[in-house]
Structures are given as structure tokens and as C-alpha cells.
Amino acid sequence: MSMECSAIILIIGIMAFSTMRSGRYYFSLGVLPLAIVPFIHLMGNVIARGLSALTPLSYFMARIGVDIAALVVACILFGIMSVHIKGKKQRLSYLVLCGGFTLIFTCVLVARLIAK
């Protein structure tokens, strides 16, 4: 899943850069939390090794915990970023779509880890 995560990070980075150049700074910042889960998943090996050395968790459980912690952080950032959205329906749409994408993607990543 490293290629998929890298592609998602690249696409989100391009989206953020292009919207920032057009002057829509809050939208640009609003899409950046979408890249947290793929980025942390790529860094998961290093983080999980450190966690498994410091805690009684196995490497496998630490790796799953890292992905779920990234999901929590991303969802918190979605909530913080949604404050800048004026309309209630637009805010709800942003939270549902971004949170849903992140949740589904995290479930896929965890399922792939379990399948290994």
C-alpha cells in the first residue's frame, strides 16, 4: 500500500498547492488533513518499532494503533478546519465526506495489515 499512499499524498499536495495559488487558503488548509493517514501509514514502520520497544504492544498491534491514532488526529483536524466554513450544510458535507474518506481508507489499511 506504499504506492497508493504515496499517490494520495501527491494528489492532495497538488490540490492544496493549486487551491492556495488561486487564493482559497482555507480550502487549501482544509484538504491537507486528508494526507495525514497515508503519511503516517508510510511512517508506521518506524513509529511502530519505537512503540513496541517502549510499550508491551507487539509490532503488529502498534502498527494498527498508529493507523487508528492517525485517523483520530485527522478527524480532530477536520473538526478544527470546519470552523471556517460558513454554511451549516457545507460544513456537514465537508465533515462527512472527508471523515468518511479517511475512515474508509483507514479501514482498508488496517484490513491489509491484518491480512498480511
C-alpha atoms as a PDB file:
ATOM      1  CA  MET A   1       0.000   0.000   0.000  1.00  0.00           C
ATOM      2  CA  SER A   2       3.002   2.296  -0.072  1.00  0.00           C
ATOM      3  CA  MET A   3       2.442   3.248  -3.708  1.00  0.00           C
ATOM      4  CA  GLU A   4      -1.209   4.033  -3.064  1.00  0.00           C
ATOM      5  CA  CYS A   5      -0.373   6.133  -0.011  1.00  0.00           C
ATOM      6  CA  SER A   6       2.325   7.991  -1.928  1.00  0.00           C
ATOM      7  CA  ALA A   7      -0.082   8.690  -4.794  1.00  0.00           C
ATOM      8  CA  ILE A   8      -2.743  10.008  -2.418  1.00  0.00           C
ATOM      9  CA  ILE A   9      -0.236  12.278  -0.685  1.00  0.00           C
ATOM     10  CA  LEU A  10       0.955  13.591  -4.054  1.00  0.00           C
ATOM     11  CA  ILE A  11      -2.588  14.253  -5.310  1.00  0.00           C
ATOM     12  CA  ILE A  12      -3.621  16.003  -2.097  1.00  0.00           C
ATOM     13  CA  GLY A  13      -0.443  18.071  -2.179  1.00  0.00           C
ATOM     14  CA  ILE A  14      -1.166  19.155  -5.748  1.00  0.00           C
ATOM     15  CA  MET A  15      -4.764  20.012  -4.805  1.00  0.00           C
ATOM     16  CA  ALA A  16      -3.611  22.069  -1.816  1.00  0.00           C
ATOM     17  CA  PHE A  17      -0.956  23.882  -3.847  1.00  0.00           C
ATOM     18  CA  SER A  18      -3.280  24.714  -6.728  1.00  0.00           C
ATOM     19  CA  THR A  19      -6.053  25.996  -4.456  1.00  0.00           C
ATOM     20  CA  MET A  20      -3.568  28.035  -2.464  1.00  0.00           C
ATOM     21  CA  ARG A  21      -2.344  29.689  -5.659  1.00  0.00           C
ATOM     22  CA  SER A  22      -5.912  30.614  -6.555  1.00  0.00           C
ATOM     23  CA  GLY A  23      -6.289  32.423  -3.232  1.00  0.00           C
ATOM     24  CA  ARG A  24      -8.533  29.922  -1.426  1.00  0.00           C
ATOM     25  CA  TYR A  25      -6.309  29.457   1.620  1.00  0.00           C
ATOM     26  CA  TYR A  26      -8.875  27.889   3.955  1.00  0.00           C
ATOM     27  CA  PHE A  27      -9.831  25.315   1.332  1.00  0.00           C
ATOM     28  CA  SER A  28      -6.167  24.575   0.807  1.00  0.00           C
ATOM     29  CA  LEU A  29      -5.658  24.018   4.517  1.00  0.00           C
ATOM     30  CA  GLY A  30      -8.895  22.027   4.691  1.00  0.00           C
ATOM     31  CA  VAL A  31      -7.687  19.308   2.328  1.00  0.00           C
ATOM     32  CA  LEU A  32      -4.302  18.801   3.990  1.00  0.00           C
ATOM     33  CA  PRO A  33      -5.638  16.603   6.842  1.00  0.00           C
ATOM     34  CA  LEU A  34      -6.641  14.079   4.171  1.00  0.00           C
ATOM     35  CA  ALA A  35      -2.932  13.309   3.780  1.00  0.00           C
ATOM     36  CA  ILE A  36      -2.323  12.518   7.459  1.00  0.00           C
ATOM     37  CA  VAL A  37      -3.425   8.868   7.397  1.00  0.00           C
ATOM     38  CA  PRO A  38      -1.428   7.918   4.275  1.00  0.00           C
ATOM     39  CA  PHE A  39       1.644   9.796   5.534  1.00  0.00           C
ATOM     40  CA  ILE A  40       1.538   8.228   8.993  1.00  0.00           C
ATOM     41  CA  HIS A  41       0.937   4.815   7.412  1.00  0.00           C
ATOM     42  CA  LEU A  42       4.133   5.253   5.390  1.00  0.00           C
ATOM     43  CA  MET A  43       5.997   6.215   8.559  1.00  0.00           C
ATOM     44  CA  GLY A  44       4.260   3.431  10.500  1.00  0.00           C
ATOM     45  CA  ASN A  45       7.188   1.006  10.444  1.00  0.00           C
ATOM     46  CA  VAL A  46       9.477   3.411  12.264  1.00  0.00           C
ATOM     47  CA  ILE A  47       6.810   4.582  14.702  1.00  0.00           C
ATOM     48  CA  ALA A  48       5.609   1.027  15.469  1.00  0.00           C
ATOM     49  CA  ARG A  49       9.152  -0.211  16.129  1.00  0.00           C
ATOM     50  CA  GLY A  50       9.637   2.582  18.636  1.00  0.00           C
ATOM     51  CA  LEU A  51       6.284   1.933  20.285  1.00  0.00           C
ATOM     52  CA  SER A  52       6.818  -1.806  20.513  1.00  0.00           C
ATOM     53  CA  ALA A  53      10.193  -1.228  22.155  1.00  0.00           C
ATOM     54  CA  LEU A  54       8.763   1.210  24.714  1.00  0.00           C
ATOM     55  CA  THR A  55       5.431  -0.495  25.438  1.00  0.00           C
ATOM     56  CA  PRO A  56       4.235  -4.075  25.870  1.00  0.00           C
ATOM     57  CA  LEU A  57       2.488  -3.880  22.486  1.00  0.00           C
ATOM     58  CA  SER A  58       3.612  -6.191  19.732  1.00  0.00           C
ATOM     59  CA  TYR A  59       4.831  -4.660  16.485  1.00  0.00           C
ATOM     60  CA  PHE A  60       1.626  -5.729  14.738  1.00  0.00           C
ATOM     61  CA  MET A  61      -0.659  -4.127  17.345  1.00  0.00           C
ATOM     62  CA  ALA A  62       1.467  -0.979  17.428  1.00  0.00           C
ATOM     63  CA  ARG A  63       1.201  -0.686  13.653  1.00  0.00           C
ATOM     64  CA  ILE A  64      -2.597  -0.902  13.791  1.00  0.00           C
ATOM     65  CA  GLY A  65      -2.658   1.550  16.703  1.00  0.00           C
ATOM     66  CA  VAL A  66      -0.581   4.044  14.743  1.00  0.00           C
ATOM     67  CA  ASP A  67      -3.047   3.951  11.841  1.00  0.00           C
ATOM     68  CA  ILE A  68      -6.035   4.387  14.156  1.00  0.00           C
ATOM     69  CA  ALA A  69      -4.296   7.235  16.000  1.00  0.00           C
ATOM     70  CA  ALA A  70      -3.719   8.925  12.627  1.00  0.00           C
ATOM     71  CA  LEU A  71      -7.454   8.579  11.916  1.00  0.00           C
ATOM     72  CA  VAL A  72      -8.289  10.265  15.223  1.00  0.00           C
ATOM     73  CA  VAL A  73      -5.844  13.118  14.597  1.00  0.00           C
ATOM     74  CA  ALA A  74      -7.176  13.662  11.072  1.00  0.00           C
ATOM     75  CA  CYS A  75     -10.785  13.755  12.286  1.00  0.00           C
ATOM     76  CA  ILE A  76      -9.905  16.261  15.008  1.00  0.00           C
ATOM     77  CA  LEU A  77      -8.239  18.449  12.390  1.00  0.00           C
ATOM     78  CA  PHE A  78     -11.308  18.166  10.151  1.00  0.00           C
ATOM     79  CA  GLY A  79     -13.377  19.497  13.031  1.00  0.00           C
ATOM     80  CA  ILE A  80     -10.973  22.370  13.603  1.00  0.00           C
ATOM     81  CA  MET A  81     -10.870  23.240   9.906  1.00  0.00           C
ATOM     82  CA  SER A  82     -14.660  23.107   9.589  1.00  0.00           C
ATOM     83  CA  VAL A  83     -14.999  26.157  11.839  1.00  0.00           C
ATOM     84  CA  HIS A  84     -14.044  28.343   8.866  1.00  0.00           C
ATOM     85  CA  ILE A  85     -16.894  27.007   6.702  1.00  0.00           C
ATOM     86  CA  LYS A  86     -19.836  29.384   6.913  1.00  0.00           C
ATOM     87  CA  GLY A  87     -22.875  27.326   5.892  1.00  0.00           C
ATOM     88  CA  LYS A  88     -24.153  24.501   8.070  1.00  0.00           C
ATOM     89  CA  LYS A  89     -24.826  22.184   5.120  1.00  0.00           C
ATOM     90  CA  GLN A  90     -21.416  22.842   3.614  1.00  0.00           C
ATOM     91  CA  ARG A  91     -19.745  22.195   6.964  1.00  0.00           C
ATOM     92  CA  LEU A  92     -21.644  18.942   7.411  1.00  0.00           C
ATOM     93  CA  SER A  93     -20.810  17.870   3.852  1.00  0.00           C
ATOM     94  CA  TYR A  94     -17.130  18.614   4.439  1.00  0.00           C
ATOM     95  CA  LEU A  95     -17.073  16.625   7.665  1.00  0.00           C
ATOM     96  CA  VAL A  96     -18.993  13.651   6.259  1.00  0.00           C
ATOM     97  CA  LEU A  97     -17.030  13.415   3.005  1.00  0.00           C
ATOM     98  CA  CYS A  98     -13.552  13.979   4.440  1.00  0.00           C
ATOM     99  CA  GLY A  99     -14.228  11.930   7.566  1.00  0.00           C
ATOM    100  CA  GLY A 100     -15.829   9.164   5.525  1.00  0.00           C
ATOM    101  CA  PHE A 101     -12.928   9.001   3.086  1.00  0.00           C
ATOM    102  CA  THR A 102     -10.424   8.904   5.926  1.00  0.00           C
ATOM    103  CA  LEU A 103     -12.401   6.261   7.832  1.00  0.00           C
ATOM    104  CA  ILE A 104     -12.797   4.003   4.800  1.00  0.00           C
ATOM    105  CA  PHE A 105      -9.157   4.412   3.822  1.00  0.00           C
ATOM    106  CA  THR A 106      -8.014   3.609   7.363  1.00  0.00           C
ATOM    107  CA  CYS A 107     -10.227   0.502   7.393  1.00  0.00           C
ATOM    108  CA  VAL A 108      -8.626  -0.623   4.123  1.00  0.00           C
ATOM    109  CA  LEU A 109      -5.129  -0.046   5.508  1.00  0.00           C
ATOM    110  CA  VAL A 110      -5.874  -1.918   8.731  1.00  0.00           C
ATOM    111  CA  ALA A 111      -7.514  -4.768   6.806  1.00  0.00           C
ATOM    112  CA  ARG A 112      -4.415  -5.053   4.632  1.00  0.00           C
ATOM    113  CA  LEU A 113      -2.227  -5.141   7.747  1.00  0.00           C
ATOM    114  CA  ILE A 114      -4.351  -7.888   9.257  1.00  0.00           C
ATOM    115  CA  ALA A 115      -4.320  -9.879   6.008  1.00  0.00           C
ATOM    116  CA  LYS A 116      -0.511  -9.961   5.991  1.00  0.00           C
END
